[in-house]
Protein backbone atom coordinates (compact mmCIF):
# COMPACT_ATOMS: atom_id res chain seq x y z
CA UNK A 1 0.00 0.00 0.00
CA UNK A 2 1.32 3.43 -0.94
CA UNK A 3 1.04 6.29 1.56
CA UNK A 4 0.59 9.76 0.18
CA UNK A 5 1.02 12.70 2.52
CA UNK A 6 0.91 16.44 2.22
CA UNK A 7 4.58 16.92 1.74
CA UNK A 8 7.86 15.39 2.75
CA UNK A 9 7.67 17.47 5.93
CA UNK A 10 4.15 16.19 6.74
CA UNK A 11 2.92 19.75 7.20
CA UNK A 12 -0.81 18.93 7.07
CA UNK A 13 -2.97 19.25 10.11
CA UNK A 14 -6.05 17.05 10.40
CA UNK A 15 -9.71 18.05 10.51
CA UNK A 16 -12.82 15.92 10.82
CA UNK A 17 -16.05 15.61 8.90
CA UNK A 18 -19.58 15.14 10.17
CA UNK A 19 -22.23 13.07 8.40
CA UNK A 20 -24.02 14.29 5.28
CA UNK A 21 -22.40 17.04 3.25
CA UNK A 22 -19.60 18.84 5.04
CA UNK A 23 -16.04 20.00 4.64
CA UNK A 24 -13.57 17.14 4.33
CA UNK A 25 -9.86 17.09 5.11
CA UNK A 26 -7.56 14.51 3.54
CA UNK A 27 -4.18 14.61 5.25
CA UNK A 28 -3.01 11.23 3.93
CA UNK A 29 -4.20 9.02 1.10
CA UNK A 30 -3.53 5.28 1.06
CA UNK A 31 -3.48 3.69 -2.39
CA UNK A 32 -3.15 -0.03 -3.08
CA UNK A 33 -1.15 -1.19 -6.11
CA UNK A 34 -4.34 -2.70 -7.55
CA UNK A 35 -6.22 0.60 -7.27
CA UNK A 36 -3.31 2.51 -8.77
CA UNK A 37 -3.19 0.13 -11.74
CA UNK A 38 -6.98 0.32 -12.22
CA UNK A 39 -6.95 4.12 -12.22
CA UNK A 40 -4.41 4.26 -15.02
CA UNK A 41 -5.56 1.33 -17.15
CA UNK A 42 -9.32 1.64 -16.81
CA UNK A 43 -9.94 5.32 -16.04
CA UNK A 44 -6.88 7.05 -17.52
CA UNK A 45 -6.14 8.92 -14.28
CA UNK A 46 -2.89 8.85 -12.33
CA UNK A 47 -2.70 8.69 -8.55
CA UNK A 48 -0.73 11.94 -8.68
CA UNK A 49 -3.66 13.70 -10.37
CA UNK A 50 -5.99 12.54 -7.59
CA UNK A 51 -3.48 13.50 -4.90
CA UNK A 52 -3.15 16.99 -6.34
CA UNK A 53 -6.91 17.53 -6.03
CA UNK A 54 -7.59 16.01 -2.60
CA UNK A 55 -4.51 15.81 -0.32
CA UNK A 56 -4.26 18.86 1.95
CA UNK A 57 -6.83 20.81 -0.06
CA UNK A 58 -9.00 23.06 2.09
CA UNK A 59 -12.74 23.25 1.52
CA UNK A 60 -13.36 19.87 -0.11
CA UNK A 61 -17.04 18.93 0.02
CA UNK A 62 -17.97 15.31 0.47
CA UNK A 63 -21.09 13.22 0.71
CA UNK A 64 -21.41 9.94 2.54
CA UNK A 65 -22.80 7.01 0.59
CA UNK A 66 -23.52 3.46 1.67
CA UNK A 67 -22.72 0.81 -0.94
CA UNK A 68 -24.50 -2.52 -0.30
CA UNK A 69 -21.33 -4.61 -0.60
CA UNK A 70 -18.48 -2.12 -0.06
CA UNK A 71 -19.95 -0.26 2.91
CA UNK A 72 -19.63 3.36 3.94
CA UNK A 73 -17.69 5.57 1.56
CA UNK A 74 -17.15 9.24 0.88
CA UNK A 75 -17.83 10.74 -2.54
CA UNK A 76 -15.87 13.85 -3.51
CA UNK A 77 -16.50 15.90 -6.62
CA UNK A 78 -13.33 17.58 -7.88
CA UNK A 79 -11.79 18.75 -11.15
CA UNK A 80 -9.03 16.78 -12.87
CA UNK A 81 -7.51 18.14 -16.10
CA UNK A 82 -10.30 20.72 -16.26
CA UNK A 83 -12.98 18.01 -16.20
CA UNK A 84 -15.37 17.09 -13.41
CA UNK A 85 -14.30 13.96 -11.56
CA UNK A 86 -15.69 11.74 -8.83
CA UNK A 87 -13.26 10.45 -6.19
CA UNK A 88 -14.33 7.58 -3.91
CA UNK A 89 -12.67 7.40 -0.49
CA UNK A 90 -13.04 4.88 2.32
CA UNK A 91 -12.38 5.96 5.92
CA UNK A 92 -9.68 4.42 8.06
CA UNK A 93 -9.44 4.32 11.85
CA UNK A 94 -7.20 7.41 11.74
CA UNK A 95 -8.74 10.86 11.34
CA UNK A 96 -7.69 12.49 8.08
CA UNK A 97 -6.35 9.25 6.59
CA UNK A 98 -8.37 7.72 3.74
CA UNK A 99 -8.15 4.73 1.40
CA UNK A 100 -8.59 5.61 -2.26
CA UNK A 101 -11.31 3.43 -3.76
CA UNK A 102 -11.42 4.89 -7.25
CA UNK A 103 -11.65 8.04 -9.35
CA UNK A 104 -13.68 8.67 -12.49
CA UNK A 105 -13.64 11.47 -15.02
CA UNK A 106 -17.20 12.61 -15.68
CA UNK A 107 -18.54 14.05 -18.89
C-alpha cells in the first residue's frame, strides 16, 4: 500500500467531517497497487492527479454514501484536467487518513 502525505515534511494538520455534506480534510491518502493500476488502465487517471486535487486541499465537500457490498464511503466531486471527476474514499481508523477506492472522469 502506498502512503501519500501532504509533503515530505508532513505539514498537514487534520480536521474531521460530520455526516451528510460537510467540509472534508484529507491529510493522507492510502493507495493499493491494484487501485493505482486500475486508475491508469481503466480510467486514464494517475494517482498523482488525484493527490493533487484532494490531499491537503482546504474546503473539499464530500457526501457519505452506503454501498450494499463495499460499505460506507465518501464521494468527492473535484476537477481533474479541467474536467469534473468523482473520487471515492473509504475511511480508516485514523482521522484524516483515507483509502482511495477509485476516481472517475465525468462528462
